[in-house]
C-alpha atoms as a PDB file:
ATOM      1  CA  MET A   1      50.462   1.784 -21.785  1.00  0.00           C
ATOM      2  CA  PRO A   2      54.333   1.902 -22.282  1.00  0.00           C
ATOM      3  CA  PRO A   3      55.655  -1.283 -23.791  1.00  0.00           C
ATOM      4  CA  ILE A   4      56.877  -3.655 -21.240  1.00  0.00           C
ATOM      5  CA  SER A   5      60.816  -3.751 -21.170  1.00  0.00           C
ATOM      6  CA  MET A   6      62.515  -7.439 -20.842  1.00  0.00           C
ATOM      7  CA  HIS A   7      65.471  -5.376 -18.997  1.00  0.00           C
ATOM      8  CA  SER A   8      62.595  -4.274 -16.154  1.00  0.00           C
ATOM      9  CA  VAL A   9      61.554  -8.007 -15.871  1.00  0.00           C
ATOM     10  CA  ASP A  10      65.398  -9.168 -15.357  1.00  0.00           C
ATOM     11  CA  GLN A  11      66.435  -6.297 -13.010  1.00  0.00           C
ATOM     12  CA  GLN A  12      63.099  -6.931 -10.767  1.00  0.00           C
ATOM     13  CA  VAL A  13      63.919 -10.600 -10.612  1.00  0.00           C
ATOM     14  CA  THR A  14      67.384  -9.823  -9.606  1.00  0.00           C
ATOM     15  CA  ASP A  15      66.321  -7.304  -6.868  1.00  0.00           C
ATOM     16  CA  LEU A  16      63.713  -9.935  -5.630  1.00  0.00           C
ATOM     17  CA  VAL A  17      66.197 -12.973  -5.521  1.00  0.00           C
ATOM     18  CA  THR A  18      68.746 -10.750  -3.673  1.00  0.00           C
ATOM     19  CA  ASP A  19      66.957 -10.208  -0.529  1.00  0.00           C
ATOM     20  CA  ILE A  20      65.864 -14.274  -0.541  1.00  0.00           C
ATOM     21  CA  ASN A  21      66.612 -16.103   2.657  1.00  0.00           C
ATOM     22  CA  ILE A  22      67.187 -19.500   0.865  1.00  0.00           C
ATOM     23  CA  GLU A  23      67.905 -21.200   3.955  1.00  0.00           C
ATOM     24  CA  GLU A  24      64.992 -20.142   5.916  1.00  0.00           C
ATOM     25  CA  TRP A  25      62.468 -20.604   2.847  1.00  0.00           C
ATOM     26  CA  SER A  26      63.715 -24.203   2.414  1.00  0.00           C
ATOM     27  CA  ARG A  27      63.494 -25.039   6.121  1.00  0.00           C
ATOM     28  CA  GLN A  28      59.726 -23.753   6.239  1.00  0.00           C
ATOM     29  CA  TYR A  29      59.007 -25.752   2.606  1.00  0.00           C
ATOM     30  CA  TRP A  30      60.300 -29.124   3.890  1.00  0.00           C
ATOM     31  CA  ALA A  31      58.523 -28.632   7.384  1.00  0.00           C
ATOM     32  CA  GLN A  32      55.379 -28.072   5.467  1.00  0.00           C
ATOM     33  CA  GLY A  33      55.601 -31.024   3.613  1.00  0.00           C
ATOM     34  CA  GLU A  34      57.167 -29.444   0.341  1.00  0.00           C
ATOM     35  CA  PHE A  35      54.743 -26.575   0.660  1.00  0.00           C
ATOM     36  CA  LEU A  36      55.701 -22.790   1.147  1.00  0.00           C
ATOM     37  CA  ALA A  37      53.130 -19.620   0.927  1.00  0.00           C
ATOM     38  CA  LEU A  38      54.550 -15.946   1.258  1.00  0.00           C
ATOM     39  CA  GLU A  39      52.165 -13.197   1.055  1.00  0.00           C
ATOM     40  CA  ARG A  40      52.958 -10.485  -1.626  1.00  0.00           C
ATOM     41  CA  LEU A  41      56.378 -11.633  -2.303  1.00  0.00           C
ATOM     42  CA  LEU A  42      56.424 -10.164  -5.969  1.00  0.00           C
ATOM     43  CA  PRO A  43      56.354  -6.023  -6.077  1.00  0.00           C
ATOM     44  CA  PRO A  44      53.358  -4.217  -7.177  1.00  0.00           C
ATOM     45  CA  SER A  45      55.605  -2.915 -10.277  1.00  0.00           C
ATOM     46  CA  LEU A  46      56.297  -6.468 -11.612  1.00  0.00           C
ATOM     47  CA  ILE A  47      52.361  -7.819 -10.989  1.00  0.00           C
ATOM     48  CA  GLY A  48      51.272  -4.683 -12.771  1.00  0.00           C
ATOM     49  CA  GLU A  49      53.396  -5.419 -15.873  1.00  0.00           C
ATOM     50  CA  PHE A  50      51.647  -9.005 -15.676  1.00  0.00           C
ATOM     51  CA  ILE A  51      48.388  -7.571 -15.486  1.00  0.00           C
ATOM     52  CA  GLN A  52      48.756  -5.531 -18.628  1.00  0.00           C
ATOM     53  CA  GLU A  53      49.342  -8.598 -20.604  1.00  0.00           C
ATOM     54  CA  VAL A  54      46.367 -10.447 -18.738  1.00  0.00           C
ATOM     55  CA  ASP A  55      44.097  -7.702 -19.960  1.00  0.00           C
ATOM     56  CA  GLY A  56      45.716  -8.479 -23.360  1.00  0.00           C
ATOM     57  CA  VAL A  57      44.644 -12.183 -23.340  1.00  0.00           C
ATOM     58  CA  ARG A  58      41.113 -11.932 -21.838  1.00  0.00           C
ATOM     59  CA  SER A  59      39.500 -12.388 -25.066  1.00  0.00           C
ATOM     60  CA  LYS A  60      41.570 -15.761 -25.461  1.00  0.00           C
ATOM     61  CA  ILE A  61      39.978 -17.570 -22.244  1.00  0.00           C
ATOM     62  CA  ASN A  62      38.910 -20.686 -22.727  1.00  0.00           C
ATOM     63  CA  ARG A  63      35.813 -21.497 -20.322  1.00  0.00           C
ATOM     64  CA  ASN A  64      35.335 -25.071 -19.012  1.00  0.00           C
ATOM     65  CA  PHE A  65      32.979 -26.798 -16.821  1.00  0.00           C
ATOM     66  CA  ILE A  66      33.418 -30.518 -15.133  1.00  0.00           C
ATOM     67  CA  PRO A  67      30.529 -31.190 -12.969  1.00  0.00           C
ATOM     68  CA  LYS A  68      31.040 -31.776  -9.396  1.00  0.00           C
ATOM     69  CA  HIS A  69      34.862 -30.902  -9.932  1.00  0.00           C
ATOM     70  CA  LYS A  70      35.611 -27.594 -12.029  1.00  0.00           C
ATOM     71  CA  LYS A  71      34.372 -24.629 -13.473  1.00  0.00           C
ATOM     72  CA  GLY A  72      36.461 -21.614 -14.582  1.00  0.00           C
ATOM     73  CA  GLY A  73      38.579 -20.047 -17.423  1.00  0.00           C
ATOM     74  CA  SER A  74      42.236 -20.784 -18.465  1.00  0.00           C
ATOM     75  CA  VAL A  75      44.738 -19.156 -20.990  1.00  0.00           C
ATOM     76  CA  SER A  76      47.612 -21.562 -22.310  1.00  0.00           C
ATOM     77  CA  TYR A  77      51.400 -21.500 -22.566  1.00  0.00           C
ATOM     78  CA  TYR A  78      50.874 -21.515 -26.142  1.00  0.00           C
ATOM     79  CA  LEU A  79      49.035 -18.259 -26.019  1.00  0.00           C
ATOM     80  CA  LEU A  80      51.115 -16.652 -23.297  1.00  0.00           C
ATOM     81  CA  GLN A  81      54.009 -17.293 -26.003  1.00  0.00           C
ATOM     82  CA  GLU A  82      52.538 -15.181 -28.495  1.00  0.00           C
ATOM     83  CA  SER A  83      51.113 -12.457 -26.041  1.00  0.00           C
ATOM     84  CA  ALA A  84      52.876 -12.147 -22.843  1.00  0.00           C
ATOM     85  CA  PRO A  85      56.518 -11.579 -22.906  1.00  0.00           C
ATOM     86  CA  ALA A  86      57.016 -10.486 -19.285  1.00  0.00           C
ATOM     87  CA  ILE A  87      55.414 -13.379 -18.058  1.00  0.00           C
ATOM     88  CA  MET A  88      57.385 -15.728 -20.169  1.00  0.00           C
ATOM     89  CA  ALA A  89      60.360 -13.701 -19.190  1.00  0.00           C
ATOM     90  CA  PHE A  90      59.819 -14.433 -15.383  1.00  0.00           C
ATOM     91  CA  TYR A  91      58.801 -18.051 -16.033  1.00  0.00           C
ATOM     92  CA  GLN A  92      62.310 -18.633 -18.064  1.00  0.00           C
ATOM     93  CA  SER A  93      64.508 -16.739 -15.580  1.00  0.00           C
ATOM     94  CA  PRO A  94      67.277 -18.623 -14.726  1.00  0.00           C
ATOM     95  CA  GLN A  95      67.918 -16.672 -11.503  1.00  0.00           C
ATOM     96  CA  TRP A  96      64.302 -17.299 -10.371  1.00  0.00           C
ATOM     97  CA  LEU A  97      64.618 -21.175 -11.287  1.00  0.00           C
ATOM     98  CA  GLN A  98      68.104 -21.321  -9.151  1.00  0.00           C
ATOM     99  CA  VAL A  99      65.812 -20.155  -6.397  1.00  0.00           C
ATOM    100  CA  LEU A 100      63.157 -22.642  -6.704  1.00  0.00           C
ATOM    101  CA  SER A 101      65.727 -25.508  -7.124  1.00  0.00           C
ATOM    102  CA  LYS A 102      67.552 -24.230  -4.064  1.00  0.00           C
ATOM    103  CA  ILE A 103      64.384 -24.234  -2.105  1.00  0.00           C
ATOM    104  CA  ALA A 104      63.282 -27.983  -3.292  1.00  0.00           C
ATOM    105  CA  GLY A 105      66.972 -29.194  -2.942  1.00  0.00           C
ATOM    106  CA  VAL A 106      66.848 -30.575  -6.617  1.00  0.00           C
ATOM    107  CA  PRO A 107      67.639 -29.129  -9.877  1.00  0.00           C
ATOM    108  CA  LEU A 108      64.659 -28.081 -11.717  1.00  0.00           C
ATOM    109  CA  LEU A 109      63.919 -27.678 -15.555  1.00  0.00           C
ATOM    110  CA  LEU A 110      61.160 -25.744 -17.605  1.00  0.00           C
ATOM    111  CA  CYS A 111      58.712 -28.131 -18.956  1.00  0.00           C
ATOM    112  CA  PRO A 112      58.755 -28.922 -22.405  1.00  0.00           C
ATOM    113  CA  ASP A 113      57.296 -26.446 -25.176  1.00  0.00           C
ATOM    114  CA  GLU A 114      54.889 -28.918 -26.018  1.00  0.00           C
ATOM    115  CA  ASP A 115      53.145 -28.894 -22.503  1.00  0.00           C
ATOM    116  CA  PRO A 116      50.303 -26.118 -22.637  1.00  0.00           C
ATOM    117  CA  HIS A 117      50.164 -26.009 -18.703  1.00  0.00           C
ATOM    118  CA  ALA A 118      53.899 -25.304 -18.439  1.00  0.00           C
ATOM    119  CA  CYS A 119      52.931 -21.433 -17.884  1.00  0.00           C
ATOM    120  CA  ALA A 120      49.347 -20.668 -17.874  1.00  0.00           C
ATOM    121  CA  LEU A 121      46.646 -18.203 -16.292  1.00  0.00           C
ATOM    122  CA  TYR A 122      43.565 -19.338 -14.460  1.00  0.00           C
ATOM    123  CA  PHE A 123      40.395 -17.081 -14.320  1.00  0.00           C
ATOM    124  CA  TYR A 124      38.198 -17.108 -11.661  1.00  0.00           C
ATOM    125  CA  THR A 125      35.288 -14.523 -13.151  1.00  0.00           C
ATOM    126  CA  GLU A 126      31.833 -16.305 -12.998  1.00  0.00           C
ATOM    127  CA  PRO A 127      29.701 -16.969  -9.917  1.00  0.00           C
ATOM    128  CA  GLY A 128      30.409 -20.572  -8.815  1.00  0.00           C
ATOM    129  CA  ASP A 129      33.905 -20.773 -10.469  1.00  0.00           C
ATOM    130  CA  HIS A 130      35.972 -23.412  -8.431  1.00  0.00           C
ATOM    131  CA  ILE A 131      38.147 -26.363  -8.580  1.00  0.00           C
ATOM    132  CA  GLY A 132      37.739 -29.600  -6.192  1.00  0.00           C
ATOM    133  CA  TYR A 133      40.460 -31.260  -4.220  1.00  0.00           C
ATOM    134  CA  HIS A 134      43.204 -32.786  -6.308  1.00  0.00           C
ATOM    135  CA  TYR A 135      47.015 -33.115  -6.838  1.00  0.00           C
ATOM    136  CA  ASP A 136      49.362 -31.688  -9.597  1.00  0.00           C
ATOM    137  CA  THR A 137      49.883 -35.260 -10.450  1.00  0.00           C
ATOM    138  CA  SER A 138      53.248 -35.719 -12.540  1.00  0.00           C
ATOM    139  CA  TYR A 139      52.694 -37.575 -15.657  1.00  0.00           C
ATOM    140  CA  TYR A 140      56.666 -36.721 -16.198  1.00  0.00           C
ATOM    141  CA  LYS A 141      59.418 -39.662 -15.263  1.00  0.00           C
ATOM    142  CA  GLY A 142      60.518 -36.895 -12.950  1.00  0.00           C
ATOM    143  CA  ALA A 143      58.700 -34.844 -10.350  1.00  0.00           C
ATOM    144  CA  ARG A 144      56.578 -31.753 -11.277  1.00  0.00           C
ATOM    145  CA  TYR A 145      56.608 -28.177  -9.049  1.00  0.00           C
ATOM    146  CA  THR A 146      54.032 -25.819  -9.090  1.00  0.00           C
ATOM    147  CA  VAL A 147      54.077 -22.095  -8.482  1.00  0.00           C
ATOM    148  CA  LEU A 148      50.813 -20.038  -8.001  1.00  0.00           C
ATOM    149  CA  ILE A 149      51.293 -16.335  -8.455  1.00  0.00           C
ATOM    150  CA  GLY A 150      48.267 -14.171  -7.004  1.00  0.00           C
ATOM    151  CA  LEU A 151      47.751 -11.433 -10.071  1.00  0.00           C
ATOM    152  CA  ARG A 152      44.158  -9.947  -8.930  1.00  0.00           C
ATOM    153  CA  ASP A 153      42.021 -11.147  -6.112  1.00  0.00           C
ATOM    154  CA  ARG A 154      38.609  -9.181  -5.557  1.00  0.00           C
ATOM    155  CA  SER A 155      37.009 -12.068  -3.965  1.00  0.00           C
ATOM    156  CA  THR A 156      36.257 -14.197  -1.050  1.00  0.00           C
ATOM    157  CA  SER A 157      37.422 -17.204  -2.947  1.00  0.00           C
ATOM    158  CA  GLN A 158      40.242 -18.991  -1.234  1.00  0.00           C
ATOM    159  CA  LEU A 159      42.949 -21.800  -1.981  1.00  0.00           C
ATOM    160  CA  LEU A 160      42.282 -24.570   0.429  1.00  0.00           C
ATOM    161  CA  CYS A 161      45.249 -26.793   1.232  1.00  0.00           C
ATOM    162  CA  ARG A 162      45.864 -30.081   3.087  1.00  0.00           C
ATOM    163  CA  LEU A 163      49.315 -30.537   3.976  1.00  0.00           C
ATOM    164  CA  HIS A 164      50.919 -33.891   4.655  1.00  0.00           C
ATOM    165  CA  THR A 165      48.269 -36.143   3.566  1.00  0.00           C
ATOM    166  CA  LYS A 166      50.723 -38.525   2.375  1.00  0.00           C
ATOM    167  CA  GLU A 167      52.986 -38.602   5.566  1.00  0.00           C
ATOM    168  CA  SER A 168      51.794 -41.358   7.933  1.00  0.00           C
ATOM    169  CA  ASP A 169      53.502 -39.954  10.727  1.00  0.00           C
ATOM    170  CA  ARG A 170      52.070 -36.409  10.458  1.00  0.00           C
ATOM    171  CA  ASP A 171      48.560 -35.301  11.275  1.00  0.00           C
ATOM    172  CA  VAL A 172      47.181 -33.511   8.004  1.00  0.00           C
ATOM    173  CA  GLN A 173      47.046 -29.899   8.220  1.00  0.00           C
ATOM    174  CA  GLU A 174      44.477 -27.463   6.470  1.00  0.00           C
ATOM    175  CA  LEU A 175      44.748 -24.105   5.437  1.00  0.00           C
ATOM    176  CA  ALA A 176      42.719 -21.533   3.678  1.00  0.00           C
ATOM    177  CA  LEU A 177      44.885 -18.725   1.929  1.00  0.00           C
ATOM    178  CA  ALA A 178      43.780 -15.631  -0.191  1.00  0.00           C
ATOM    179  CA  THR A 179      46.040 -15.201  -3.467  1.00  0.00           C
ATOM    180  CA  GLU A 180      46.467 -11.306  -3.044  1.00  0.00           C
ATOM    181  CA  PRO A 181      48.621  -9.660  -5.771  1.00  0.00           C
ATOM    182  CA  GLY A 182      52.024 -10.922  -5.546  1.00  0.00           C
ATOM    183  CA  THR A 183      51.108 -13.974  -3.441  1.00  0.00           C
ATOM    184  CA  PHE A 184      53.916 -16.846  -4.142  1.00  0.00           C
ATOM    185  CA  ILE A 185      52.870 -20.461  -3.222  1.00  0.00           C
ATOM    186  CA  TYR A 186      55.125 -23.321  -4.266  1.00  0.00           C
ATOM    187  CA  PHE A 187      54.882 -27.039  -3.659  1.00  0.00           C
ATOM    188  CA  ASN A 188      55.771 -30.460  -4.788  1.00  0.00           C
ATOM    189  CA  GLY A 189      52.835 -31.384  -7.519  1.00  0.00           C
ATOM    190  CA  ASP A 190      52.251 -35.016  -5.885  1.00  0.00           C
ATOM    191  CA  LYS A 191      52.127 -33.677  -2.310  1.00  0.00           C
ATOM    192  CA  LEU A 192      49.646 -30.989  -1.775  1.00  0.00           C
ATOM    193  CA  HIS A 193      46.188 -31.939  -2.019  1.00  0.00           C
ATOM    194  CA  HIS A 194      44.333 -28.738  -2.857  1.00  0.00           C
ATOM    195  CA  ALA A 195      41.215 -26.916  -3.849  1.00  0.00           C
ATOM    196  CA  VAL A 196      39.733 -23.506  -4.727  1.00  0.00           C
ATOM    197  CA  SER A 197      36.722 -22.536  -3.083  1.00  0.00           C
ATOM    198  CA  PRO A 198      33.857 -21.181  -5.218  1.00  0.00           C
ATOM    199  CA  LEU A 199      33.596 -17.739  -6.544  1.00  0.00           C
ATOM    200  CA  GLY A 200      31.005 -15.059  -5.220  1.00  0.00           C
ATOM    201  CA  GLU A 201      28.648 -12.896  -7.321  1.00  0.00           C
ATOM    202  CA  GLY A 202      30.548  -9.991  -8.819  1.00  0.00           C
ATOM    203  CA  GLU A 203      34.036 -11.144  -7.797  1.00  0.00           C
ATOM    204  CA  GLU A 204      37.201 -12.029  -9.612  1.00  0.00           C
ATOM    205  CA  ARG A 205      40.128 -14.034  -8.754  1.00  0.00           C
ATOM    206  CA  ILE A 206      43.363 -14.682 -11.204  1.00  0.00           C
ATOM    207  CA  VAL A 207      46.583 -16.553 -10.870  1.00  0.00           C
ATOM    208  CA  LEU A 208      49.520 -17.257 -12.662  1.00  0.00           C
ATOM    209  CA  THR A 209      50.599 -20.998 -12.476  1.00  0.00           C
ATOM    210  CA  LEU A 210      54.123 -21.775 -13.542  1.00  0.00           C
ATOM    211  CA  GLN A 211      55.354 -25.444 -13.811  1.00  0.00           C
ATOM    212  CA  TYR A 212      58.724 -27.016 -13.465  1.00  0.00           C
ATOM    213  CA  VAL A 213      60.139 -30.495 -13.668  1.00  0.00           C
ATOM    214  CA  THR A 214      63.039 -32.870 -12.698  1.00  0.00           C
ATOM    215  CA  ASP A 215      63.035 -34.828 -15.864  1.00  0.00           C
ATOM    216  CA  PRO A 216      61.182 -33.469 -18.759  1.00  0.00           C
ATOM    217  CA  SER A 217      60.600 -36.942 -20.522  1.00  0.00           C
ATOM    218  CA  MET A 218      57.229 -38.558 -20.727  1.00  0.00           C
ATOM    219  CA  SER A 219      55.753 -41.584 -22.198  1.00  0.00           C
ATOM    220  CA  PHE A 220      53.763 -41.450 -25.284  1.00  0.00           C
ATOM    221  CA  THR A 221      50.584 -42.963 -23.180  1.00  0.00           C
ATOM    222  CA  HIS A 222      51.193 -40.463 -20.336  1.00  0.00           C
ATOM    223  CA  ARG A 223      51.311 -37.569 -22.766  1.00  0.00           C
ATOM    224  CA  TRP A 224      48.340 -38.597 -24.449  1.00  0.00           C
ATOM    225  CA  PHE A 225      46.454 -39.082 -20.964  1.00  0.00           C
ATOM    226  CA  SER A 226      47.913 -35.271 -19.837  1.00  0.00           C
ATOM    227  CA  ASN A 227      46.987 -33.730 -23.318  1.00  0.00           C
ATOM    228  CA  MET A 228      43.454 -35.160 -22.854  1.00  0.00           C
ATOM    229  CA  LYS A 229      43.104 -33.840 -19.191  1.00  0.00           C
ATOM    230  CA  ASP A 230      44.224 -30.601 -20.309  1.00  0.00           C
ATOM    231  CA  ALA A 231      41.943 -30.253 -23.278  1.00  0.00           C
ATOM    232  CA  VAL A 232      38.866 -31.184 -21.476  1.00  0.00           C
ATOM    233  CA  GLY A 233      39.716 -29.078 -18.251  1.00  0.00           C
ATOM    234  CA  TYR A 234      41.571 -26.191 -19.025  1.00  0.00           C
ATOM    235  CA  PHE A 235      42.814 -25.267 -22.460  1.00  0.00           C
ATOM    236  CA  GLY A 236      40.167 -26.674 -25.073  1.00  0.00           C
ATOM    237  CA  TRP A 237      40.409 -29.016 -28.212  1.00  0.00           C
ATOM    238  CA  SER A 238      42.218 -26.353 -30.038  1.00  0.00           C
ATOM    239  CA  ALA A 239      45.141 -26.614 -27.612  1.00  0.00           C
ATOM    240  CA  LEU A 240      45.724 -30.275 -29.016  1.00  0.00           C
ATOM    241  CA  PHE A 241      46.627 -29.051 -32.524  1.00  0.00           C
ATOM    242  CA  ARG A 242      48.406 -25.747 -31.594  1.00  0.00           C
ATOM    243  CA  ARG A 243      52.173 -25.624 -32.173  1.00  0.00           C
ATOM    244  CA  PRO A 244      54.392 -23.966 -29.544  1.00  0.00           C
ATOM    245  CA  THR A 245      56.078 -20.860 -30.446  1.00  0.00           C
ATOM    246  CA  ARG A 246      59.870 -21.556 -30.709  1.00  0.00           C
END
């Protein structure tokens, strides 16, 4: 495969954001309790570049299993910094960050380099891989926002969402979504109760997650707890001692 061009990624992001209707997307986002899902938003050419990098880090997947809650594989931000320039360029794109900020109505920032979850890959590749219902709780002093991008979905597994769970004046709405290549899902991590249904035999589902914050500061206690959670549930103990690439 030819080397990935950063100019190509930048140009595709420019083309993508040029056609966005920010007002309509923001309206949908707020009407659904700070949640937005759009099928096949990212073009196949950009997803194809990401998949090249996904296939290049397969040997670095950390598998994890938490009984009654989670089973799957992950690749951390630290490893993507070393091996996935196109994914990193997309995560850090100022144009992309501006779009997300306008949709949510708040200025968003990248997560600190010390956060292994800032930009990561989730691999559901073995029967029964799943994750139970949870919030993407922010341990930062500011709010934490999650973007999920579908990269590969040859499965019956679905993203299960419960909207409005923290709004006393709204009925809870339940959704079950496939994350086909290019699908874009965006939400306030403290607002969406979500899960992933179990993977079937011979199936595969790969998702890119991008995390953004309004305030990147975090107390020592919360950083310790967040690191422990990521080590046990996602990236393994080695992630605690790995230094991010600067």
